[in-house]
C-alpha atoms as a PDB file:
ATOM      1  CA  UNK A   1      -0.017  -0.066   0.121  1.00  0.00           C
ATOM      2  CA  UNK A   2       2.746   2.266   0.735  1.00  0.00           C
ATOM      3  CA  UNK A   3       5.112   1.445  -1.641  1.00  0.00           C
ATOM      4  CA  UNK A   4       1.707   2.012  -4.302  1.00  0.00           C
ATOM      5  CA  UNK A   5       1.351   5.728  -2.598  1.00  0.00           C
ATOM      6  CA  UNK A   6       5.239   6.131  -3.021  1.00  0.00           C
ATOM      7  CA  UNK A   7       5.082   5.153  -7.016  1.00  0.00           C
ATOM      8  CA  UNK A   8       2.247   7.191  -7.470  1.00  0.00           C
ATOM      9  CA  UNK A   9       3.638  10.488  -6.342  1.00  0.00           C
ATOM     10  CA  UNK A  10       7.144   9.703  -7.873  1.00  0.00           C
ATOM     11  CA  UNK A  11       5.713   9.731 -11.416  1.00  0.00           C
ATOM     12  CA  UNK A  12       2.679  11.908 -10.942  1.00  0.00           C
ATOM     13  CA  UNK A  13       1.798  13.724 -14.013  1.00  0.00           C
ATOM     14  CA  UNK A  14       1.060  17.365 -14.657  1.00  0.00           C
ATOM     15  CA  UNK A  15      -2.439  16.361 -15.661  1.00  0.00           C
ATOM     16  CA  UNK A  16      -3.272  14.560 -12.603  1.00  0.00           C
ATOM     17  CA  UNK A  17      -1.947  17.564 -10.649  1.00  0.00           C
ATOM     18  CA  UNK A  18      -4.152  19.925 -12.674  1.00  0.00           C
ATOM     19  CA  UNK A  19      -7.492  17.677 -12.273  1.00  0.00           C
ATOM     20  CA  UNK A  20      -6.225  17.526  -8.229  1.00  0.00           C
ATOM     21  CA  UNK A  21      -6.567  21.496  -8.441  1.00  0.00           C
ATOM     22  CA  UNK A  22      -9.586  21.871 -10.882  1.00  0.00           C
ATOM     23  CA  UNK A  23     -11.721  18.897  -9.172  1.00  0.00           C
ATOM     24  CA  UNK A  24     -10.850  20.303  -5.337  1.00  0.00           C
ATOM     25  CA  UNK A  25     -12.193  23.673  -6.397  1.00  0.00           C
ATOM     26  CA  UNK A  26     -15.327  22.097  -8.420  1.00  0.00           C
ATOM     27  CA  UNK A  27     -16.226  19.463  -5.638  1.00  0.00           C
ATOM     28  CA  UNK A  28     -16.205  22.243  -2.758  1.00  0.00           C
ATOM     29  CA  UNK A  29     -17.874  25.071  -4.970  1.00  0.00           C
ATOM     30  CA  UNK A  30     -21.081  22.561  -5.377  1.00  0.00           C
ATOM     31  CA  UNK A  31     -21.031  21.601  -1.362  1.00  0.00           C
ATOM     32  CA  UNK A  32     -20.743  25.469  -0.570  1.00  0.00           C
ATOM     33  CA  UNK A  33     -24.070  25.620  -2.680  1.00  0.00           C
ATOM     34  CA  UNK A  34     -25.529  23.184  -0.690  1.00  0.00           C
ATOM     35  CA  UNK A  35     -24.462  23.527   2.985  1.00  0.00           C
ATOM     36  CA  UNK A  36     -23.158  27.105   3.133  1.00  0.00           C
ATOM     37  CA  UNK A  37     -21.593  28.624   6.099  1.00  0.00           C
ATOM     38  CA  UNK A  38     -22.564  32.025   5.694  1.00  0.00           C
ATOM     39  CA  UNK A  39     -25.032  33.039   2.759  1.00  0.00           C
ATOM     40  CA  UNK A  40     -23.174  35.903   1.413  1.00  0.00           C
ATOM     41  CA  UNK A  41     -25.749  36.947  -1.390  1.00  0.00           C
ATOM     42  CA  UNK A  42     -22.602  37.890  -3.760  1.00  0.00           C
ATOM     43  CA  UNK A  43     -21.975  37.184  -7.213  1.00  0.00           C
ATOM     44  CA  UNK A  44     -19.937  34.060  -7.085  1.00  0.00           C
ATOM     45  CA  UNK A  45     -18.442  34.267 -10.378  1.00  0.00           C
ATOM     46  CA  UNK A  46     -17.296  37.639 -10.115  1.00  0.00           C
ATOM     47  CA  UNK A  47     -16.107  37.027  -6.718  1.00  0.00           C
ATOM     48  CA  UNK A  48     -14.117  33.770  -8.044  1.00  0.00           C
ATOM     49  CA  UNK A  49     -12.592  35.938 -11.028  1.00  0.00           C
ATOM     50  CA  UNK A  50     -10.033  37.497  -9.139  1.00  0.00           C
ATOM     51  CA  UNK A  51      -9.177  34.642  -6.912  1.00  0.00           C
ATOM     52  CA  UNK A  52      -8.882  32.628 -10.101  1.00  0.00           C
ATOM     53  CA  UNK A  53      -6.314  35.420 -11.635  1.00  0.00           C
ATOM     54  CA  UNK A  54      -4.067  34.987  -8.155  1.00  0.00           C
ATOM     55  CA  UNK A  55      -4.551  31.299  -8.346  1.00  0.00           C
ATOM     56  CA  UNK A  56      -2.952  31.295 -12.035  1.00  0.00           C
ATOM     57  CA  UNK A  57      -0.202  33.852 -10.908  1.00  0.00           C
ATOM     58  CA  UNK A  58       0.553  31.118  -8.184  1.00  0.00           C
ATOM     59  CA  UNK A  59       0.697  28.347 -10.361  1.00  0.00           C
ATOM     60  CA  UNK A  60       3.372  29.974 -12.560  1.00  0.00           C
ATOM     61  CA  UNK A  61       5.476  31.000  -9.855  1.00  0.00           C
ATOM     62  CA  UNK A  62       5.554  27.796  -8.894  1.00  0.00           C
ATOM     63  CA  UNK A  63       6.317  26.215 -11.901  1.00  0.00           C
ATOM     64  CA  UNK A  64       9.043  28.839 -12.512  1.00  0.00           C
ATOM     65  CA  UNK A  65      10.499  27.280  -8.945  1.00  0.00           C
ATOM     66  CA  UNK A  66       9.862  23.798  -9.768  1.00  0.00           C
ATOM     67  CA  UNK A  67      13.399  22.698 -11.532  1.00  0.00           C
ATOM     68  CA  UNK A  68      15.074  24.330  -9.063  1.00  0.00           C
ATOM     69  CA  UNK A  69      12.930  22.602  -5.978  1.00  0.00           C
ATOM     70  CA  UNK A  70      13.684  19.161  -8.153  1.00  0.00           C
ATOM     71  CA  UNK A  71      17.484  19.662  -8.130  1.00  0.00           C
ATOM     72  CA  UNK A  72      17.467  20.139  -4.494  1.00  0.00           C
ATOM     73  CA  UNK A  73      15.483  17.372  -3.207  1.00  0.00           C
ATOM     74  CA  UNK A  74      17.615  15.193  -5.680  1.00  0.00           C
ATOM     75  CA  UNK A  75      20.836  16.843  -4.008  1.00  0.00           C
ATOM     76  CA  UNK A  76      19.489  16.103  -0.646  1.00  0.00           C
ATOM     77  CA  UNK A  77      18.949  12.464  -0.862  1.00  0.00           C
ATOM     78  CA  UNK A  78      21.765  11.686  -2.969  1.00  0.00           C
ATOM     79  CA  UNK A  79      24.162  13.304  -0.212  1.00  0.00           C
ATOM     80  CA  UNK A  80      21.771  12.113   2.591  1.00  0.00           C
ATOM     81  CA  UNK A  81      21.234  15.542   4.124  1.00  0.00           C
ATOM     82  CA  UNK A  82      18.328  16.718   5.999  1.00  0.00           C
ATOM     83  CA  UNK A  83      16.431  15.670   9.252  1.00  0.00           C
ATOM     84  CA  UNK A  84      14.561  12.821   7.261  1.00  0.00           C
ATOM     85  CA  UNK A  85      17.814  11.380   6.083  1.00  0.00           C
ATOM     86  CA  UNK A  86      19.554  11.485   9.408  1.00  0.00           C
ATOM     87  CA  UNK A  87      17.460   8.409  11.125  1.00  0.00           C
ATOM     88  CA  UNK A  88      16.322   4.843   9.528  1.00  0.00           C
ATOM     89  CA  UNK A  89      12.739   4.506   9.941  1.00  0.00           C
ATOM     90  CA  UNK A  90       9.680   2.262   8.282  1.00  0.00           C
ATOM     91  CA  UNK A  91       8.583   3.816   5.054  1.00  0.00           C
ATOM     92  CA  UNK A  92       5.114   4.785   6.741  1.00  0.00           C
ATOM     93  CA  UNK A  93       6.757   6.762   9.497  1.00  0.00           C
ATOM     94  CA  UNK A  94       8.971   8.477   7.295  1.00  0.00           C
ATOM     95  CA  UNK A  95       6.043   9.483   5.134  1.00  0.00           C
ATOM     96  CA  UNK A  96       4.256  11.068   8.143  1.00  0.00           C
ATOM     97  CA  UNK A  97       7.659  12.875   9.120  1.00  0.00           C
ATOM     98  CA  UNK A  98       8.177  14.117   5.967  1.00  0.00           C
ATOM     99  CA  UNK A  99       4.386  15.818   5.662  1.00  0.00           C
ATOM    100  CA  UNK A 100       4.720  16.996   9.131  1.00  0.00           C
ATOM    101  CA  UNK A 101       8.145  18.585   8.597  1.00  0.00           C
ATOM    102  CA  UNK A 102       7.187  20.251   4.748  1.00  0.00           C
ATOM    103  CA  UNK A 103       3.870  21.790   6.785  1.00  0.00           C
ATOM    104  CA  UNK A 104       6.028  23.179   9.256  1.00  0.00           C
ATOM    105  CA  UNK A 105       8.760  24.768   7.512  1.00  0.00           C
ATOM    106  CA  UNK A 106       7.131  25.485   4.115  1.00  0.00           C
ATOM    107  CA  UNK A 107       3.960  26.773   5.313  1.00  0.00           C
ATOM    108  CA  UNK A 108       3.613  27.577   9.140  1.00  0.00           C
ATOM    109  CA  UNK A 109       6.712  29.323   9.317  1.00  0.00           C
ATOM    110  CA  UNK A 110       6.521  31.308   6.417  1.00  0.00           C
ATOM    111  CA  UNK A 111       2.883  32.308   7.253  1.00  0.00           C
ATOM    112  CA  UNK A 112       4.039  32.987  10.799  1.00  0.00           C
ATOM    113  CA  UNK A 113       6.610  35.496   9.353  1.00  0.00           C
ATOM    114  CA  UNK A 114       4.384  37.236   7.259  1.00  0.00           C
ATOM    115  CA  UNK A 115       2.371  38.420   9.965  1.00  0.00           C
ATOM    116  CA  UNK A 116       5.358  39.686  12.081  1.00  0.00           C
ATOM    117  CA  UNK A 117       7.378  41.390   9.552  1.00  0.00           C
ATOM    118  CA  UNK A 118       5.271  44.212   8.007  1.00  0.00           C
ATOM    119  CA  UNK A 119       6.299  44.748   4.385  1.00  0.00           C
ATOM    120  CA  UNK A 120       5.571  40.981   3.927  1.00  0.00           C
ATOM    121  CA  UNK A 121       2.108  41.352   5.762  1.00  0.00           C
ATOM    122  CA  UNK A 122       1.404  43.879   3.259  1.00  0.00           C
ATOM    123  CA  UNK A 123       1.739  41.583   0.401  1.00  0.00           C
ATOM    124  CA  UNK A 124      -0.089  38.770   2.557  1.00  0.00           C
ATOM    125  CA  UNK A 125      -3.061  41.345   2.970  1.00  0.00           C
ATOM    126  CA  UNK A 126      -3.905  40.665  -0.132  1.00  0.00           C
ATOM    127  CA  UNK A 127      -5.402  37.359   1.002  1.00  0.00           C
ATOM    128  CA  UNK A 128      -6.814  38.563   4.032  1.00  0.00           C
ATOM    129  CA  UNK A 129      -8.702  40.991   2.063  1.00  0.00           C
ATOM    130  CA  UNK A 130     -11.540  38.897   0.809  1.00  0.00           C
ATOM    131  CA  UNK A 131     -14.817  39.448   2.736  1.00  0.00           C
ATOM    132  CA  UNK A 132     -16.261  36.656   1.346  1.00  0.00           C
ATOM    133  CA  UNK A 133     -14.327  33.961   1.961  1.00  0.00           C
ATOM    134  CA  UNK A 134     -14.804  30.573   0.193  1.00  0.00           C
ATOM    135  CA  UNK A 135     -12.895  27.829  -1.580  1.00  0.00           C
ATOM    136  CA  UNK A 136     -11.424  30.161  -4.281  1.00  0.00           C
ATOM    137  CA  UNK A 137      -9.946  32.183  -1.700  1.00  0.00           C
ATOM    138  CA  UNK A 138      -7.461  29.192  -0.929  1.00  0.00           C
ATOM    139  CA  UNK A 139      -4.882  30.389  -3.704  1.00  0.00           C
ATOM    140  CA  UNK A 140      -5.663  34.220  -3.496  1.00  0.00           C
ATOM    141  CA  UNK A 141      -1.747  35.223  -2.885  1.00  0.00           C
ATOM    142  CA  UNK A 142      -0.250  38.397  -4.338  1.00  0.00           C
ATOM    143  CA  UNK A 143       2.674  37.092  -6.656  1.00  0.00           C
ATOM    144  CA  UNK A 144       5.209  38.470  -4.188  1.00  0.00           C
ATOM    145  CA  UNK A 145       3.751  36.409  -1.403  1.00  0.00           C
ATOM    146  CA  UNK A 146       3.413  33.510  -3.945  1.00  0.00           C
ATOM    147  CA  UNK A 147       7.395  33.781  -3.988  1.00  0.00           C
ATOM    148  CA  UNK A 148       7.997  33.970  -0.466  1.00  0.00           C
ATOM    149  CA  UNK A 149       6.193  30.817  -0.198  1.00  0.00           C
ATOM    150  CA  UNK A 150       7.830  28.964  -2.923  1.00  0.00           C
ATOM    151  CA  UNK A 151      11.212  30.062  -1.118  1.00  0.00           C
ATOM    152  CA  UNK A 152      10.375  28.562   2.003  1.00  0.00           C
ATOM    153  CA  UNK A 153       9.026  25.320   0.424  1.00  0.00           C
ATOM    154  CA  UNK A 154      12.561  24.986  -1.212  1.00  0.00           C
ATOM    155  CA  UNK A 155      14.110  25.699   2.400  1.00  0.00           C
ATOM    156  CA  UNK A 156      11.641  23.092   3.700  1.00  0.00           C
ATOM    157  CA  UNK A 157      12.694  20.576   1.174  1.00  0.00           C
ATOM    158  CA  UNK A 158      16.380  20.933   1.814  1.00  0.00           C
ATOM    159  CA  UNK A 159      15.998  21.179   5.767  1.00  0.00           C
ATOM    160  CA  UNK A 160      13.918  18.346   5.794  1.00  0.00           C
ATOM    161  CA  UNK A 161      15.882  16.139   3.073  1.00  0.00           C
ATOM    162  CA  UNK A 162      12.494  15.446   1.266  1.00  0.00           C
ATOM    163  CA  UNK A 163      12.777  13.132  -1.955  1.00  0.00           C
ATOM    164  CA  UNK A 164      10.069  14.289  -4.746  1.00  0.00           C
ATOM    165  CA  UNK A 165       7.504  11.790  -4.055  1.00  0.00           C
ATOM    166  CA  UNK A 166       7.283  13.185  -0.278  1.00  0.00           C
ATOM    167  CA  UNK A 167       7.397  16.539  -1.783  1.00  0.00           C
ATOM    168  CA  UNK A 168       4.581  16.124  -4.552  1.00  0.00           C
ATOM    169  CA  UNK A 169       2.092  14.353  -1.796  1.00  0.00           C
ATOM    170  CA  UNK A 170       2.051  17.255   0.327  1.00  0.00           C
ATOM    171  CA  UNK A 171       1.673  19.930  -2.572  1.00  0.00           C
ATOM    172  CA  UNK A 172      -1.413  17.349  -3.663  1.00  0.00           C
ATOM    173  CA  UNK A 173      -2.610  17.000   0.056  1.00  0.00           C
ATOM    174  CA  UNK A 174      -2.260  21.217   0.201  1.00  0.00           C
ATOM    175  CA  UNK A 175      -4.278  21.912  -2.346  1.00  0.00           C
ATOM    176  CA  UNK A 176      -7.136  20.091  -1.701  1.00  0.00           C
ATOM    177  CA  UNK A 177      -7.280  20.720   2.186  1.00  0.00           C
ATOM    178  CA  UNK A 178      -6.596  24.626   1.709  1.00  0.00           C
ATOM    179  CA  UNK A 179      -9.427  24.501  -0.867  1.00  0.00           C
ATOM    180  CA  UNK A 180     -11.605  22.475   2.282  1.00  0.00           C
ATOM    181  CA  UNK A 181     -10.621  24.715   4.978  1.00  0.00           C
ATOM    182  CA  UNK A 182     -11.243  28.099   2.834  1.00  0.00           C
ATOM    183  CA  UNK A 183     -14.850  26.806   1.662  1.00  0.00           C
ATOM    184  CA  UNK A 184     -17.935  28.277   2.725  1.00  0.00           C
ATOM    185  CA  UNK A 185     -19.211  25.029   4.497  1.00  0.00           C
ATOM    186  CA  UNK A 186     -21.105  24.211   7.525  1.00  0.00           C
ATOM    187  CA  UNK A 187     -20.234  20.934   9.310  1.00  0.00           C
ATOM    188  CA  UNK A 188     -21.482  19.673  12.248  1.00  0.00           C
ATOM    189  CA  UNK A 189     -19.772  21.519  15.411  1.00  0.00           C
ATOM    190  CA  UNK A 190     -18.816  18.041  16.609  1.00  0.00           C
ATOM    191  CA  UNK A 191     -17.385  17.057  13.403  1.00  0.00           C
ATOM    192  CA  UNK A 192     -15.312  20.354  13.040  1.00  0.00           C
ATOM    193  CA  UNK A 193     -14.009  20.315  16.571  1.00  0.00           C
ATOM    194  CA  UNK A 194     -12.743  16.453  16.075  1.00  0.00           C
ATOM    195  CA  UNK A 195     -11.111  17.310  12.841  1.00  0.00           C
ATOM    196  CA  UNK A 196      -9.393  20.280  14.283  1.00  0.00           C
ATOM    197  CA  UNK A 197      -7.655  18.139  16.898  1.00  0.00           C
ATOM    198  CA  UNK A 198      -5.461  16.746  13.684  1.00  0.00           C
ATOM    199  CA  UNK A 199      -6.325  19.058  10.700  1.00  0.00           C
ATOM    200  CA  UNK A 200      -7.166  22.614  10.028  1.00  0.00           C
ATOM    201  CA  UNK A 201     -10.703  22.263   9.824  1.00  0.00           C
ATOM    202  CA  UNK A 202     -13.127  25.056   8.240  1.00  0.00           C
ATOM    203  CA  UNK A 203     -14.115  26.689  11.244  1.00  0.00           C
ATOM    204  CA  UNK A 204     -10.439  26.940  12.896  1.00  0.00           C
ATOM    205  CA  UNK A 205      -9.462  28.476   9.630  1.00  0.00           C
ATOM    206  CA  UNK A 206     -11.994  31.026   9.359  1.00  0.00           C
ATOM    207  CA  UNK A 207     -11.082  32.382  12.692  1.00  0.00           C
ATOM    208  CA  UNK A 208      -7.813  33.209  11.158  1.00  0.00           C
ATOM    209  CA  UNK A 209      -9.913  35.201   8.559  1.00  0.00           C
ATOM    210  CA  UNK A 210     -11.336  37.510  11.467  1.00  0.00           C
ATOM    211  CA  UNK A 211     -10.992  41.094  10.566  1.00  0.00           C
ATOM    212  CA  UNK A 212      -8.769  42.040  13.604  1.00  0.00           C
ATOM    213  CA  UNK A 213      -6.277  40.752  16.065  1.00  0.00           C
ATOM    214  CA  UNK A 214      -5.953  38.388  17.954  1.00  0.00           C
ATOM    215  CA  UNK A 215      -8.004  35.894  15.953  1.00  0.00           C
ATOM    216  CA  UNK A 216      -6.094  37.315  12.718  1.00  0.00           C
ATOM    217  CA  UNK A 217      -2.954  36.472  14.278  1.00  0.00           C
ATOM    218  CA  UNK A 218      -3.541  32.728  15.348  1.00  0.00           C
ATOM    219  CA  UNK A 219      -4.229  29.469  13.651  1.00  0.00           C
ATOM    220  CA  UNK A 220      -1.168  29.815  10.905  1.00  0.00           C
ATOM    221  CA  UNK A 221      -1.709  25.912   9.972  1.00  0.00           C
ATOM    222  CA  UNK A 222      -2.008  24.810   6.492  1.00  0.00           C
ATOM    223  CA  UNK A 223      -2.711  21.064   6.657  1.00  0.00           C
ATOM    224  CA  UNK A 224      -2.002  20.197  10.297  1.00  0.00           C
ATOM    225  CA  UNK A 225      -3.314  21.977  13.281  1.00  0.00           C
ATOM    226  CA  UNK A 226      -0.715  20.250  15.605  1.00  0.00           C
ATOM    227  CA  UNK A 227       1.989  23.105  14.876  1.00  0.00           C
ATOM    228  CA  UNK A 228      -0.688  25.683  16.226  1.00  0.00           C
ATOM    229  CA  UNK A 229      -1.421  23.769  19.420  1.00  0.00           C
ATOM    230  CA  UNK A 230       2.461  23.203  19.961  1.00  0.00           C
ATOM    231  CA  UNK A 231       3.443  26.677  19.558  1.00  0.00           C
ATOM    232  CA  UNK A 232       0.601  28.478  20.923  1.00  0.00           C
ATOM    233  CA  UNK A 233      -1.100  30.235  18.614  1.00  0.00           C
ATOM    234  CA  UNK A 234      -4.308  27.895  18.347  1.00  0.00           C
ATOM    235  CA  UNK A 235      -7.362  30.189  18.949  1.00  0.00           C
ATOM    236  CA  UNK A 236     -10.736  29.148  19.293  1.00  0.00           C
ATOM    237  CA  UNK A 237     -13.647  31.758  18.633  1.00  0.00           C
ATOM    238  CA  UNK A 238     -17.285  30.488  17.566  1.00  0.00           C
ATOM    239  CA  UNK A 239     -17.748  31.064  14.097  1.00  0.00           C
ATOM    240  CA  UNK A 240     -21.003  33.247  14.402  1.00  0.00           C
ATOM    241  CA  UNK A 241     -18.574  35.668  15.938  1.00  0.00           C
ATOM    242  CA  UNK A 242     -16.446  35.891  12.815  1.00  0.00           C
ATOM    243  CA  UNK A 243     -16.047  38.711  10.279  1.00  0.00           C
ATOM    244  CA  UNK A 244     -13.844  38.771   7.262  1.00  0.00           C
ATOM    245  CA  UNK A 245     -11.738  41.463   5.953  1.00  0.00           C
ATOM    246  CA  UNK A 246      -9.146  43.335   7.391  1.00  0.00           C
ATOM    247  CA  UNK A 247     -10.343  46.848   9.492  1.00  0.00           C
ATOM    248  CA  UNK A 248      -7.722  48.775   7.715  1.00  0.00           C
ATOM    249  CA  UNK A 249      -8.835  47.961   4.133  1.00  0.00           C
ATOM    250  CA  UNK A 250     -12.272  49.301   2.338  1.00  0.00           C
ATOM    251  CA  UNK A 251     -14.039  45.953   2.155  1.00  0.00           C
ATOM    252  CA  UNK A 252     -15.514  47.161  -1.188  1.00  0.00           C
ATOM    253  CA  UNK A 253     -12.435  47.307  -2.911  1.00  0.00           C
ATOM    254  CA  UNK A 254     -11.682  43.124  -2.102  1.00  0.00           C
ATOM    255  CA  UNK A 255     -12.343  42.497  -5.776  1.00  0.00           C
ATOM    256  CA  UNK A 256     -10.706  45.203  -7.241  1.00  0.00           C
ATOM    257  CA  UNK A 257      -7.735  43.783  -9.076  1.00  0.00           C
ATOM    258  CA  UNK A 258      -5.637  46.930  -9.738  1.00  0.00           C
ATOM    259  CA  UNK A 259      -6.134  47.827  -6.077  1.00  0.00           C
ATOM    260  CA  UNK A 260      -5.086  44.722  -4.647  1.00  0.00           C
ATOM    261  CA  UNK A 261      -2.164  44.340  -6.440  1.00  0.00           C
ATOM    262  CA  UNK A 262      -0.971  47.683  -5.395  1.00  0.00           C
ATOM    263  CA  UNK A 263      -1.530  46.931  -1.640  1.00  0.00           C
ATOM    264  CA  UNK A 264       2.226  46.172  -0.792  1.00  0.00           C
ATOM    265  CA  UNK A 265       3.462  49.192  -2.534  1.00  0.00           C
ATOM    266  CA  UNK A 266       0.858  51.941  -1.183  1.00  0.00           C
ATOM    267  CA  UNK A 267       1.774  53.824   1.621  1.00  0.00           C
ATOM    268  CA  UNK A 268      -1.679  54.714   2.341  1.00  0.00           C
ATOM    269  CA  UNK A 269      -2.270  51.299   3.595  1.00  0.00           C
ATOM    270  CA  UNK A 270      -1.564  50.746   6.807  1.00  0.00           C
ATOM    271  CA  UNK A 271      -0.072  47.498   8.464  1.00  0.00           C
ATOM    272  CA  UNK A 272      -1.303  48.269  11.866  1.00  0.00           C
ATOM    273  CA  UNK A 273      -4.924  46.998  12.515  1.00  0.00           C
END
């Protein structure tokens, strides 16, 4: 079983990766229509268009970094460099450890840093500017932020010594689970709470999209919730108290592409919120 998973992600095609991305968005888009968390009353297609634009720029930047990441992974494995290469372990333990470590270095740390470093935060504000968070919000990242995340993915691969099959598995899981935890869906509260002990559940991540602190500076996890619980950044706020957006931005501009692209360079946009 594990060997089959390794073989699949070792040879996963670009077509399959595209189907995972498109299939996830389509699936959660349909589910949102049936069990919405909030009834926004918005133009869903207009809202999606700006987020799909940012999804395309994210894909393009990730593609530009792809060869470097592959070379870094091959080098780490060949020279037995990185945390995963330091210890002998069963393949299933290796897989889980690899996913957890990539999530920590390549997702949790960069997300935390983006909230602490003001000039990086201005790029990340584009993600938080969405006042109608749904599954299309998952990849709403300013191109500058996509570069930050790609660099930390590269760092994660080297630090962890992750072979490419682990990287491909992690990225595939990340696509689907970020679409899931951004999706505008209402799960039974007991189920969402249970999931949040292991994974970043929809309600858990919606807290992060609240318009002001301390909620905004909490729940940084991407796939696994363990890092927020371990580092004390977990926050539970009842979902009916959540309001999306940022209090330093005009919520009417969240679908204005030109405005969103200029946020990091606009001195009129304040970073203190």
